Every structure is written in structure tokens, then in C-alpha cells.
């Protein structure tokens, strides 16, 4: 069988039986301590009247004139910040393995 496994600092993290896709492995990291720590650095206020210009320029905050606030764009954050963090700190590797049933 083949599956995708997540490693961090040489240790297996996540499901010990792996994931069916690379995308599924990355998705499983949502909600982890690393994810929440990184998210809170950028998503400091979901709806705000002002946001740092750098984050606006990156597309992470979008102005909604109908409600007069900036809203955080998690999809942009995921592409520009989180996926790069995963690539730097985790290894997602496709491996072949056998399942052995015991009596």
C-alpha cells in the first residue's frame, strides 16, 4: 500500500497509517499548535477597521465596504504563509508499507 506520511524533526506526526493524498496530509495539520501559533501572528482580528498595510498589500486583509471593515482572508494566508511553513518545517513523504494482521 502507498500513503503519505508527515515527519517533523525526523519523527512521524499525524496518523500512523498515513493519508491518501499529499493535500490530505497538509489538511490534517490544520488546528495543530503550529497552525494556531502561525495563524495568530496574522489573524489578530477577524473584522477590523484598520489592518497593517503590509498584510493588506499581501491580500490577507480585504476591505468590505458594505460593512466597513477589513476581513482576514485565510485562503491567501494558507497559500502565502502556512504552506511555506509546512514546506520548511515538515516533510510529507509518500511511502509504501504493508499491513500485517495478527491473530
PDB file of N, CA and C in Angstrom:
ATOM      1  N   UNK A   1       0.832  -1.173   0.000  1.00  0.00           N
ATOM      2  CA  UNK A   1       0.000   0.000   0.000  1.00  0.00           C
ATOM      3  C   UNK A   1       0.877   1.235   0.000  1.00  0.00           C
ATOM      4  N   UNK A   2       0.362   2.325  -0.548  1.00  0.00           N
ATOM      5  CA  UNK A   2       1.075   3.594  -0.505  1.00  0.00           C
ATOM      6  C   UNK A   2       0.242   4.598   0.269  1.00  0.00           C
ATOM      7  N   UNK A   3       0.933   5.454   0.990  1.00  0.00           N
ATOM      8  CA  UNK A   3       0.270   6.518   1.732  1.00  0.00           C
ATOM      9  C   UNK A   3       1.277   7.638   1.958  1.00  0.00           C
ATOM     10  N   UNK A   4       0.761   8.800   2.317  1.00  0.00           N
ATOM     11  CA  UNK A   4       1.596   9.954   2.622  1.00  0.00           C
ATOM     12  C   UNK A   4       1.728  10.074   4.134  1.00  0.00           C
ATOM     13  N   UNK A   5       2.954  10.269   4.576  1.00  0.00           N
ATOM     14  CA  UNK A   5       3.248  10.375   5.992  1.00  0.00           C
ATOM     15  C   UNK A   5       3.892  11.727   6.271  1.00  0.00           C
ATOM     16  N   UNK A   6       3.616  12.269   7.448  1.00  0.00           N
ATOM     17  CA  UNK A   6       4.139  13.574   7.839  1.00  0.00           C
ATOM     18  C   UNK A   6       5.246  13.368   8.868  1.00  0.00           C
ATOM     19  N   UNK A   7       6.384  14.010   8.616  1.00  0.00           N
ATOM     20  CA  UNK A   7       7.509  13.959   9.542  1.00  0.00           C
ATOM     21  C   UNK A   7       7.911  15.370   9.940  1.00  0.00           C
ATOM     22  N   UNK A   8       8.250  15.531  11.205  1.00  0.00           N
ATOM     23  CA  UNK A   8       8.792  16.797  11.701  1.00  0.00           C
ATOM     24  C   UNK A   8       9.946  16.445  12.624  1.00  0.00           C
ATOM     25  N   UNK A   9      11.084  17.034  12.368  1.00  0.00           N
ATOM     26  CA  UNK A   9      12.300  16.761  13.143  1.00  0.00           C
ATOM     27  C   UNK A   9      12.608  15.265  13.176  1.00  0.00           C
ATOM     28  N   UNK A  10      12.357  14.579  12.071  1.00  0.00           N
ATOM     29  CA  UNK A  10      12.659  13.162  11.958  1.00  0.00           C
ATOM     30  C   UNK A  10      11.648  12.239  12.608  1.00  0.00           C
ATOM     31  N   UNK A  11      10.628  12.794  13.238  1.00  0.00           N
ATOM     32  CA  UNK A  11       9.615  11.995  13.927  1.00  0.00           C
ATOM     33  C   UNK A  11       8.303  11.993  13.145  1.00  0.00           C
ATOM     34  N   UNK A  12       7.639  10.859  13.131  1.00  0.00           N
ATOM     35  CA  UNK A  12       6.333  10.744  12.498  1.00  0.00           C
ATOM     36  C   UNK A  12       5.312  11.528  13.309  1.00  0.00           C
ATOM     37  N   UNK A  13       4.551  12.383  12.640  1.00  0.00           N
ATOM     38  CA  UNK A  13       3.454  13.105  13.284  1.00  0.00           C
ATOM     39  C   UNK A  13       2.177  12.816  12.503  1.00  0.00           C
ATOM     40  N   UNK A  14       1.065  12.993  13.158  1.00  0.00           N
ATOM     41  CA  UNK A  14      -0.196  12.726  12.476  1.00  0.00           C
ATOM     42  C   UNK A  14      -0.535  11.252  12.516  1.00  0.00           C
ATOM     43  N   UNK A  15      -1.300  10.829  11.550  1.00  0.00           N
ATOM     44  CA  UNK A  15      -1.802   9.459  11.509  1.00  0.00           C
ATOM     45  C   UNK A  15      -0.683   8.451  11.264  1.00  0.00           C
ATOM     46  N   UNK A  16      -0.614   7.406  12.088  1.00  0.00           N
ATOM     47  CA  UNK A  16       0.426   6.384  11.876  1.00  0.00           C
ATOM     48  C   UNK A  16       0.151   5.507  10.659  1.00  0.00           C
ATOM     49  N   UNK A  17      -1.054   5.567  10.107  1.00  0.00           N
ATOM     50  CA  UNK A  17      -1.348   4.796   8.889  1.00  0.00           C
ATOM     51  C   UNK A  17      -1.321   5.682   7.649  1.00  0.00           C
ATOM     52  N   UNK A  18      -0.999   6.962   7.818  1.00  0.00           N
ATOM     53  CA  UNK A  18      -0.800   7.855   6.696  1.00  0.00           C
ATOM     54  C   UNK A  18      -2.085   8.445   6.146  1.00  0.00           C
ATOM     55  N   UNK A  19      -1.925   9.133   5.026  1.00  0.00           N
ATOM     56  CA  UNK A  19      -3.013   9.839   4.352  1.00  0.00           C
ATOM     57  C   UNK A  19      -3.033   9.440   2.887  1.00  0.00           C
ATOM     58  N   UNK A  20      -4.190   9.500   2.268  1.00  0.00           N
ATOM     59  CA  UNK A  20      -4.308   9.049   0.874  1.00  0.00           C
ATOM     60  C   UNK A  20      -3.703  10.031  -0.119  1.00  0.00           C
ATOM     61  N   UNK A  21      -3.595  11.313   0.261  1.00  0.00           N
ATOM     62  CA  UNK A  21      -3.018  12.310  -0.641  1.00  0.00           C
ATOM     63  C   UNK A  21      -2.112  13.260   0.134  1.00  0.00           C
ATOM     64  N   UNK A  22      -1.254  13.939  -0.592  1.00  0.00           N
ATOM     65  CA  UNK A  22      -0.401  14.981  -0.027  1.00  0.00           C
ATOM     66  C   UNK A  22      -1.286  16.098   0.537  1.00  0.00           C
ATOM     67  N   UNK A  23      -2.314  16.457  -0.201  1.00  0.00           N
ATOM     68  CA  UNK A  23      -3.241  17.508   0.226  1.00  0.00           C
ATOM     69  C   UNK A  23      -3.945  17.123   1.534  1.00  0.00           C
ATOM     70  N   UNK A  24      -4.342  15.867   1.654  1.00  0.00           N
ATOM     71  CA  UNK A  24      -4.975  15.389   2.877  1.00  0.00           C
ATOM     72  C   UNK A  24      -4.039  15.449   4.064  1.00  0.00           C
ATOM     73  N   UNK A  25      -2.761  15.154   3.825  1.00  0.00           N
ATOM     74  CA  UNK A  25      -1.766  15.236   4.903  1.00  0.00           C
ATOM     75  C   UNK A  25      -1.631  16.678   5.374  1.00  0.00           C
ATOM     76  N   UNK A  26      -1.526  17.614   4.426  1.00  0.00           N
ATOM     77  CA  UNK A  26      -1.417  19.030   4.790  1.00  0.00           C
ATOM     78  C   UNK A  26      -2.666  19.498   5.527  1.00  0.00           C
ATOM     79  N   UNK A  27      -3.819  19.055   5.066  1.00  0.00           N
ATOM     80  CA  UNK A  27      -5.079  19.462   5.699  1.00  0.00           C
ATOM     81  C   UNK A  27      -5.157  18.962   7.141  1.00  0.00           C
ATOM     82  N   UNK A  28      -4.551  17.819   7.416  1.00  0.00           N
ATOM     83  CA  UNK A  28      -4.594  17.270   8.773  1.00  0.00           C
ATOM     84  C   UNK A  28      -3.817  18.132   9.766  1.00  0.00           C
ATOM     85  N   UNK A  29      -2.937  18.992   9.277  1.00  0.00           N
ATOM     86  CA  UNK A  29      -2.153  19.858  10.150  1.00  0.00           C
ATOM     87  C   UNK A  29      -2.931  21.097  10.598  1.00  0.00           C
ATOM     88  N   UNK A  30      -4.093  21.322   9.992  1.00  0.00           N
ATOM     89  CA  UNK A  30      -4.942  22.447  10.391  1.00  0.00           C
ATOM     90  C   UNK A  30      -5.422  22.206  11.825  1.00  0.00           C
ATOM     91  N   UNK A  31      -5.241  23.215  12.655  1.00  0.00           N
ATOM     92  CA  UNK A  31      -5.667  23.105  14.043  1.00  0.00           C
ATOM     93  C   UNK A  31      -4.572  22.668  14.995  1.00  0.00           C
ATOM     94  N   UNK A  32      -3.410  22.275  14.473  1.00  0.00           N
ATOM     95  CA  UNK A  32      -2.299  21.892  15.342  1.00  0.00           C
ATOM     96  C   UNK A  32      -1.760  23.125  16.068  1.00  0.00           C
ATOM     97  N   UNK A  33      -0.918  22.904  17.048  1.00  0.00           N
ATOM     98  CA  UNK A  33      -0.320  24.031  17.778  1.00  0.00           C
ATOM     99  C   UNK A  33       0.464  24.940  16.836  1.00  0.00           C
ATOM    100  N   UNK A  34       1.236  24.352  15.915  1.00  0.00           N
ATOM    101  CA  UNK A  34       1.996  25.155  14.952  1.00  0.00           C
ATOM    102  C   UNK A  34       1.053  26.012  14.109  1.00  0.00           C
ATOM    103  N   UNK A  35      -0.025  25.416  13.652  1.00  0.00           N
ATOM    104  CA  UNK A  35      -1.003  26.123  12.824  1.00  0.00           C
ATOM    105  C   UNK A  35      -1.590  27.307  13.592  1.00  0.00           C
ATOM    106  N   UNK A  36      -2.030  27.057  14.813  1.00  0.00           N
ATOM    107  CA  UNK A  36      -2.662  28.113  15.601  1.00  0.00           C
ATOM    108  C   UNK A  36      -1.667  29.223  15.940  1.00  0.00           C
ATOM    109  N   UNK A  37      -0.433  28.859  16.264  1.00  0.00           N
ATOM    110  CA  UNK A  37       0.586  29.865  16.559  1.00  0.00           C
ATOM    111  C   UNK A  37       0.849  30.753  15.346  1.00  0.00           C
ATOM    112  N   UNK A  38       0.985  30.153  14.173  1.00  0.00           N
ATOM    113  CA  UNK A  38       1.228  30.922  12.947  1.00  0.00           C
ATOM    114  C   UNK A  38       0.013  31.772  12.589  1.00  0.00           C
ATOM    115  N   UNK A  39      -1.157  31.216  12.725  1.00  0.00           N
ATOM    116  CA  UNK A  39      -2.380  31.938  12.375  1.00  0.00           C
ATOM    117  C   UNK A  39      -2.548  33.180  13.238  1.00  0.00           C
ATOM    118  N   UNK A  40      -2.302  33.066  14.537  1.00  0.00           N
ATOM    119  CA  UNK A  40      -2.498  34.194  15.441  1.00  0.00           C
ATOM    120  C   UNK A  40      -1.517  35.338  15.189  1.00  0.00           C
ATOM    121  N   UNK A  41      -0.432  35.071  14.505  1.00  0.00           N
ATOM    122  CA  UNK A  41       0.504  36.142  14.146  1.00  0.00           C
ATOM    123  C   UNK A  41      -0.091  37.058  13.076  1.00  0.00           C
ATOM    124  N   UNK A  42      -1.026  36.536  12.293  1.00  0.00           N
ATOM    125  CA  UNK A  42      -1.582  37.292  11.179  1.00  0.00           C
ATOM    126  C   UNK A  42      -3.067  37.609  11.358  1.00  0.00           C
ATOM    127  N   UNK A  43      -3.809  36.697  11.922  1.00  0.00           N
ATOM    128  CA  UNK A  43      -5.246  36.887  12.112  1.00  0.00           C
ATOM    129  C   UNK A  43      -5.498  37.414  13.521  1.00  0.00           C
ATOM    130  N   UNK A  44      -5.053  38.636  13.741  1.00  0.00           N
ATOM    131  CA  UNK A  44      -5.171  39.220  15.068  1.00  0.00           C
ATOM    132  C   UNK A  44      -6.555  39.784  15.330  1.00  0.00           C
ATOM    133  N   UNK A  45      -7.312  40.016  14.272  1.00  0.00           N
ATOM    134  CA  UNK A  45      -8.692  40.495  14.421  1.00  0.00           C
ATOM    135  C   UNK A  45      -9.445  40.117  13.160  1.00  0.00           C
ATOM    136  N   UNK A  46     -10.441  39.276  13.272  1.00  0.00           N
ATOM    137  CA  UNK A  46     -11.152  38.828  12.082  1.00  0.00           C
ATOM    138  C   UNK A  46     -11.816  39.990  11.348  1.00  0.00           C
ATOM    139  N   UNK A  47     -12.407  40.899  12.070  1.00  0.00           N
ATOM    140  CA  UNK A  47     -13.027  42.070  11.460  1.00  0.00           C
ATOM    141  C   UNK A  47     -12.479  43.306  12.149  1.00  0.00           C
ATOM    142  N   UNK A  48     -11.839  44.191  11.378  1.00  0.00           N
ATOM    143  CA  UNK A  48     -11.240  45.359  11.990  1.00  0.00           C
ATOM    144  C   UNK A  48     -11.352  46.559  11.063  1.00  0.00           C
ATOM    145  N   UNK A  49     -11.279  47.742  11.640  1.00  0.00           N
ATOM    146  CA  UNK A  49     -11.347  48.995  10.872  1.00  0.00           C
ATOM    147  C   UNK A  49     -10.013  49.309  10.211  1.00  0.00           C
ATOM    148  N   UNK A  50      -8.910  48.847  10.820  1.00  0.00           N
ATOM    149  CA  UNK A  50      -7.582  49.061  10.245  1.00  0.00           C
ATOM    150  C   UNK A  50      -6.819  47.742  10.279  1.00  0.00           C
ATOM    151  N   UNK A  51      -5.894  47.618   9.371  1.00  0.00           N
ATOM    152  CA  UNK A  51      -5.031  46.434   9.323  1.00  0.00           C
ATOM    153  C   UNK A  51      -3.660  46.909   8.833  1.00  0.00           C
ATOM    154  N   UNK A  52      -2.593  46.218   9.183  1.00  0.00           N
ATOM    155  CA  UNK A  52      -1.265  46.616   8.703  1.00  0.00           C
ATOM    156  C   UNK A  52      -1.223  46.647   7.173  1.00  0.00           C
ATOM    157  N   UNK A  53      -0.659  47.706   6.641  1.00  0.00           N
ATOM    158  CA  UNK A  53      -0.616  47.890   5.183  1.00  0.00           C
ATOM    159  C   UNK A  53       0.072  46.716   4.488  1.00  0.00           C
ATOM    160  N   UNK A  54       1.115  46.194   5.113  1.00  0.00           N
ATOM    161  CA  UNK A  54       1.837  45.054   4.520  1.00  0.00           C
ATOM    162  C   UNK A  54       0.897  43.860   4.306  1.00  0.00           C
ATOM    163  N   UNK A  55       0.033  43.591   5.274  1.00  0.00           N
ATOM    164  CA  UNK A  55      -0.898  42.466   5.156  1.00  0.00           C
ATOM    165  C   UNK A  55      -2.008  42.759   4.149  1.00  0.00           C
ATOM    166  N   UNK A  56      -2.402  44.019   4.062  1.00  0.00           N
ATOM    167  CA  UNK A  56      -3.374  44.415   3.033  1.00  0.00           C
ATOM    168  C   UNK A  56      -2.764  44.214   1.661  1.00  0.00           C
ATOM    169  N   UNK A  57      -1.506  44.662   1.485  1.00  0.00           N
ATOM    170  CA  UNK A  57      -0.814  44.527   0.202  1.00  0.00           C
ATOM    171  C   UNK A  57      -0.641  43.065  -0.202  1.00  0.00           C
ATOM    172  N   UNK A  58      -0.475  42.191   0.786  1.00  0.00           N
ATOM    173  CA  UNK A  58      -0.330  40.756   0.502  1.00  0.00           C
ATOM    174  C   UNK A  58      -1.679  40.103   0.195  1.00  0.00           C
ATOM    175  N   UNK A  59      -2.769  40.807   0.447  1.00  0.00           N
ATOM    176  CA  UNK A  59      -4.103  40.265   0.191  1.00  0.00           C
ATOM    177  C   UNK A  59      -4.681  39.495   1.360  1.00  0.00           C
ATOM    178  N   UNK A  60      -4.030  39.578   2.524  1.00  0.00           N
ATOM    179  CA  UNK A  60      -4.515  38.822   3.675  1.00  0.00           C
ATOM    180  C   UNK A  60      -5.696  39.490   4.371  1.00  0.00           C
ATOM    181  N   UNK A  61      -5.820  40.794   4.185  1.00  0.00           N
ATOM    182  CA  UNK A  61      -6.991  41.510   4.675  1.00  0.00           C
ATOM    183  C   UNK A  61      -7.642  42.206   3.497  1.00  0.00           C
ATOM    184  N   UNK A  62      -8.951  42.066   3.393  1.00  0.00           N
ATOM    185  CA  UNK A  62      -9.711  42.635   2.281  1.00  0.00           C
ATOM    186  C   UNK A  62     -10.775  43.563   2.856  1.00  0.00           C
ATOM    187  N   UNK A  63     -10.883  44.759   2.267  1.00  0.00           N
ATOM    188  CA  UNK A  63     -11.860  45.742   2.721  1.00  0.00           C
ATOM    189  C   UNK A  63     -13.238  45.404   2.171  1.00  0.00           C
ATOM    190  N   UNK A  64     -14.206  45.328   3.047  1.00  0.00           N
ATOM    191  CA  UNK A  64     -15.608  45.106   2.659  1.00  0.00           C
ATOM    192  C   UNK A  64     -16.371  46.385   2.977  1.00  0.00           C
ATOM    193  N   UNK A  65     -16.629  47.176   1.925  1.00  0.00           N
ATOM    194  CA  UNK A  65     -17.269  48.477   2.121  1.00  0.00           C
ATOM    195  C   UNK A  65     -18.706  48.357   2.619  1.00  0.00           C
ATOM    196  N   UNK A  66     -19.357  47.244   2.338  1.00  0.00           N
ATOM    197  CA  UNK A  66     -20.745  47.086   2.783  1.00  0.00           C
ATOM    198  C   UNK A  66     -20.870  47.046   4.298  1.00  0.00           C
ATOM    199  N   UNK A  67     -19.804  46.614   4.971  1.00  0.00           N
ATOM    200  CA  UNK A  67     -19.833  46.578   6.437  1.00  0.00           C
ATOM    201  C   UNK A  67     -18.704  47.415   7.052  1.00  0.00           C
ATOM    202  N   UNK A  68     -17.925  48.084   6.194  1.00  0.00           N
ATOM    203  CA  UNK A  68     -16.852  48.995   6.616  1.00  0.00           C
ATOM    204  C   UNK A  68     -15.813  48.356   7.524  1.00  0.00           C
ATOM    205  N   UNK A  69     -15.342  47.183   7.151  1.00  0.00           N
ATOM    206  CA  UNK A  69     -14.280  46.523   7.911  1.00  0.00           C
ATOM    207  C   UNK A  69     -13.357  45.756   6.968  1.00  0.00           C
ATOM    208  N   UNK A  70     -12.163  45.470   7.487  1.00  0.00           N
ATOM    209  CA  UNK A  70     -11.257  44.542   6.827  1.00  0.00           C
ATOM    210  C   UNK A  70     -11.546  43.156   7.372  1.00  0.00           C
ATOM    211  N   UNK A  71     -11.593  42.174   6.492  1.00  0.00           N
ATOM    212  CA  UNK A  71     -11.764  40.783   6.917  1.00  0.00           C
ATOM    213  C   UNK A  71     -10.526  39.988   6.521  1.00  0.00           C
ATOM    214  N   UNK A  72     -10.148  39.099   7.377  1.00  0.00           N
ATOM    215  CA  UNK A  72      -8.989  38.239   7.145  1.00  0.00           C
ATOM    216  C   UNK A  72      -9.316  37.211   6.077  1.00  0.00           C
ATOM    217  N   UNK A  73      -8.403  37.022   5.130  1.00  0.00           N
ATOM    218  CA  UNK A  73      -8.583  36.052   4.047  1.00  0.00           C
ATOM    219  C   UNK A  73      -7.690  34.846   4.331  1.00  0.00           C
ATOM    220  N   UNK A  74      -8.267  33.812   4.921  1.00  0.00           N
ATOM    221  CA  UNK A  74      -7.497  32.638   5.325  1.00  0.00           C
ATOM    222  C   UNK A  74      -6.930  31.871   4.133  1.00  0.00           C
ATOM    223  N   UNK A  75      -7.618  31.890   3.000  1.00  0.00           N
ATOM    224  CA  UNK A  75      -7.102  31.193   1.815  1.00  0.00           C
ATOM    225  C   UNK A  75      -5.775  31.801   1.361  1.00  0.00           C
ATOM    226  N   UNK A  76      -5.701  33.127   1.344  1.00  0.00           N
ATOM    227  CA  UNK A  76      -4.450  33.800   0.966  1.00  0.00           C
ATOM    228  C   UNK A  76      -3.366  33.495   1.998  1.00  0.00           C
ATOM    229  N   UNK A  77      -3.709  33.556   3.280  1.00  0.00           N
ATOM    230  CA  UNK A  77      -2.751  33.243   4.340  1.00  0.00           C
ATOM    231  C   UNK A  77      -2.230  31.809   4.188  1.00  0.00           C
ATOM    232  N   UNK A  78      -3.123  30.886   3.879  1.00  0.00           N
ATOM    233  CA  UNK A  78      -2.725  29.488   3.713  1.00  0.00           C
ATOM    234  C   UNK A  78      -1.714  29.353   2.579  1.00  0.00           C
ATOM    235  N   UNK A  79      -1.998  29.986   1.448  1.00  0.00           N
ATOM    236  CA  UNK A  79      -1.085  29.897   0.296  1.00  0.00           C
ATOM    237  C   UNK A  79       0.250  30.585   0.557  1.00  0.00           C
ATOM    238  N   UNK A  80       0.207  31.773   1.132  1.00  0.00           N
ATOM    239  CA  UNK A  80       1.417  32.585   1.247  1.00  0.00           C
ATOM    240  C   UNK A  80       2.234  32.326   2.508  1.00  0.00           C
ATOM    241  N   UNK A  81       1.607  31.861   3.573  1.00  0.00           N
ATOM    242  CA  UNK A  81       2.310  31.690   4.840  1.00  0.00           C
ATOM    243  C   UNK A  81       2.329  30.224   5.288  1.00  0.00           C
ATOM    244  N   UNK A  82       1.167  29.638   5.460  1.00  0.00           N
ATOM    245  CA  UNK A  82       1.081  28.303   6.058  1.00  0.00           C
ATOM    246  C   UNK A  82       1.738  27.237   5.184  1.00  0.00           C
ATOM    247  N   UNK A  83       1.456  27.212   3.899  1.00  0.00           N
ATOM    248  CA  UNK A  83       2.055  26.182   3.036  1.00  0.00           C
ATOM    249  C   UNK A  83       3.576  26.305   2.996  1.00  0.00           C
ATOM    250  N   UNK A  84       4.089  27.536   3.033  1.00  0.00           N
ATOM    251  CA  UNK A  84       5.548  27.723   3.077  1.00  0.00           C
ATOM    252  C   UNK A  84       6.120  27.233   4.407  1.00  0.00           C
ATOM    253  N   UNK A  85       5.383  27.456   5.478  1.00  0.00           N
ATOM    254  CA  UNK A  85       5.809  26.968   6.788  1.00  0.00           C
ATOM    255  C   UNK A  85       5.867  25.439   6.792  1.00  0.00           C
ATOM    256  N   UNK A  86       4.855  24.808   6.223  1.00  0.00           N
ATOM    257  CA  UNK A  86       4.836  23.340   6.128  1.00  0.00           C
ATOM    258  C   UNK A  86       6.051  22.854   5.356  1.00  0.00           C
ATOM    259  N   UNK A  87       6.318  23.477   4.204  1.00  0.00           N
ATOM    260  CA  UNK A  87       7.451  23.059   3.369  1.00  0.00           C
ATOM    261  C   UNK A  87       8.781  23.199   4.104  1.00  0.00           C
ATOM    262  N   UNK A  88       8.894  24.195   4.969  1.00  0.00           N
ATOM    263  CA  UNK A  88      10.150  24.440   5.683  1.00  0.00           C
ATOM    264  C   UNK A  88      10.313  23.540   6.910  1.00  0.00           C
ATOM    265  N   UNK A  89       9.223  23.255   7.622  1.00  0.00           N
ATOM    266  CA  UNK A  89       9.325  22.577   8.916  1.00  0.00           C
ATOM    267  C   UNK A  89       8.843  21.128   8.924  1.00  0.00           C
ATOM    268  N   UNK A  90       8.163  20.698   7.894  1.00  0.00           N
ATOM    269  CA  UNK A  90       7.633  19.335   7.821  1.00  0.00           C
ATOM    270  C   UNK A  90       8.107  18.680   6.533  1.00  0.00           C
ATOM    271  N   UNK A  91       8.093  17.369   6.542  1.00  0.00           N
ATOM    272  CA  UNK A  91       8.331  16.599   5.318  1.00  0.00           C
ATOM    273  C   UNK A  91       7.129  15.686   5.141  1.00  0.00           C
ATOM    274  N   UNK A  92       6.517  15.787   3.987  1.00  0.00           N
ATOM    275  CA  UNK A  92       5.404  14.898   3.660  1.00  0.00           C
ATOM    276  C   UNK A  92       5.925  13.966   2.572  1.00  0.00           C
ATOM    277  N   UNK A  93       6.007  12.694   2.930  1.00  0.00           N
ATOM    278  CA  UNK A  93       6.658  11.706   2.075  1.00  0.00           C
ATOM    279  C   UNK A  93       5.691  10.585   1.742  1.00  0.00           C
ATOM    280  N   UNK A  94       5.662  10.215   0.473  1.00  0.00           N
ATOM    281  CA  UNK A  94       4.874   9.054   0.066  1.00  0.00           C
ATOM    282  C   UNK A  94       5.726   7.811   0.305  1.00  0.00           C
ATOM    283  N   UNK A  95       5.173   6.882   1.043  1.00  0.00           N
ATOM    284  CA  UNK A  95       5.900   5.645   1.343  1.00  0.00           C
ATOM    285  C   UNK A  95       5.011   4.459   1.064  1.00  0.00           C
ATOM    286  N   UNK A  96       5.656   3.367   0.754  1.00  0.00           N
ATOM    287  CA  UNK A  96       4.951   2.107   0.590  1.00  0.00           C
ATOM    288  C   UNK A  96       5.089   1.327   1.886  1.00  0.00           C
ATOM    289  N   UNK A  97       4.005   0.663   2.308  1.00  0.00           N
ATOM    290  CA  UNK A  97       4.057  -0.105   3.525  1.00  0.00           C
ATOM    291  C   UNK A  97       3.129  -1.301   3.423  1.00  0.00           C
ATOM    292  N   UNK A  98       3.329  -2.250   4.320  1.00  0.00           N
ATOM    293  CA  UNK A  98       2.496  -3.450   4.386  1.00  0.00           C
ATOM    294  C   UNK A  98       1.670  -3.424   5.657  1.00  0.00           C
ATOM    295  N   UNK A  99       0.484  -3.950   5.561  1.00  0.00           N
ATOM    296  CA  UNK A  99      -0.362  -4.117   6.734  1.00  0.00           C
ATOM    297  C   UNK A  99      -0.280  -5.584   7.120  1.00  0.00           C
ATOM    298  N   UNK A 100       0.051  -5.814   8.376  1.00  0.00           N
ATOM    299  CA  UNK A 100       0.174  -7.195   8.863  1.00  0.00           C
ATOM    300  C   UNK A 100      -0.884  -7.400   9.937  1.00  0.00           C
ATOM    301  N   UNK A 101      -1.726  -8.397   9.744  1.00  0.00           N
ATOM    302  CA  UNK A 101      -2.758  -8.715  10.726  1.00  0.00           C
ATOM    303  C   UNK A 101      -2.212  -9.774  11.690  1.00  0.00           C
ATOM    304  N   UNK A 102      -2.471  -9.576  12.957  1.00  0.00           N
ATOM    305  CA  UNK A 102      -2.047 -10.521  13.972  1.00  0.00           C
ATOM    306  C   UNK A 102      -3.258 -11.309  14.442  1.00  0.00           C
ATOM    307  N   UNK A 103      -3.025 -12.551  14.849  1.00  0.00           N
ATOM    308  CA  UNK A 103      -4.114 -13.393  15.352  1.00  0.00           C
ATOM    309  C   UNK A 103      -4.578 -12.927  16.712  1.00  0.00           C
TER     310      UNK A 103
END
